[in-house]
């Protein structure tokens, strides 16, 4: 007989009731009924997928539940609370719906892939990679502080740290700073596998924490948190209550950093400020709703706009979006071999992860690339469940890319590709000493 956690049932019931109440609220506020109904249908679909995912995988965090974040936020975006939002075209609904279907297809079909063989690395050589990355990160941090003219954390109350530091980051070398998002988790796994001592783990963690505290990057902080949580849960059982606590803490940090980044000297309250930048005129819309509009709903409107522009131009990228890290490494843009059209720059326009496959290969890209994403997600999760250390960070990355899908396609960023490369170096055929 199928057993389902009572907590999971309660959580899903609460979500469903919240959806119903939310739809009643927006209907009462006078928003178009067709939008409310369509939003409700996508919401219910996401809720059912969330519930079903636990039945299939017997755990709350899985390849389907992680992806439902994208679906829930798309459902919310259908109701135009902001002046920046508009009705989506049929093509946009097709792109999003097909993205969902073909991401889920290999997961629901249990499609497995063969492992790619990698070159062998001796344990002593493997153990030297982490210290090398930490030393490089420290050197780059010092060089960037010299370039900034100050230590960011010490000037956090007197300067606009986010803007001032982002303008002076050292190209390419800054990736050593970004890689510190993985390093504490990598060190923890090495410690649990008996490769490094507890003292080395502590030193590496403290050093990377000091570096990360000087950069207000929510993406890096989220990746750091996810990699640590997934690493910890790999070796220790974590219950749903603990996961919920972590989620609430993460949301608190997200809004806190958002306040630090967008705080101004204006006399308006933060609530009024958020409503202003979100383009919301209805005073009955709350600060929480304004935040969701600013950080998610507007991104789906950007997706709709970029789809319209692509169709009008008859444009195809033929891989320039999907393989962005390779284009960056080969300096194809710098030498003018590839020229990116500003109105189709999905990263700058922040048009969700769904835009890149469509920009590159149209509907065929949406089908094929999302199938590949689902395939990777399913197999990395299965490897994680089968206690393969190399899968810990890969699975963390999948969750991160799914959650950040409402912004840009992190599957095709240097941050992710470098993380996967070094993760393979560190853990391929790992053996305890």
Foldseek 3Di string as FASTA:
>chain_A
DQDDDPVLVVVLVVQLVVLVVVLVVVVVVPFDPVLSVQLSVLSVVLSVQQSVVCSVPVDNDALSVLQSLQSNLQSLLSTPQFPLFDHFDPQLVVLVVLLNCLLCVCQVVVDADDDDDDDDDDLVRLLVPLVVLLVLLVVQLVVLCVQLVHQQLVCLVPDLQAVSSVVRRDPPSCLSLLLLLQNLLLLVLCCVLASDDPVVSVVSVVSNVSSVSRYLDLLSVLLSVLLNVLSVCLVPPDDPVNVVVSVVVSVVSVVVSVCSNPPDPDPDDVFVVLCVQLRGDDPVQGSVNSVSSNQFSSLQSLLSQLLVVCVVVVAAQQCCQQQVVVCVVVVCVVVPVDDDDPSNPCQVSQNFASNRLCRHPNPVSSNVVSNVLSNQRNNLVVCSVVSQQLSSSVNSVSSSQSNSRSGHRPNNDPSVVVNNVSSCSNRPVDHRD
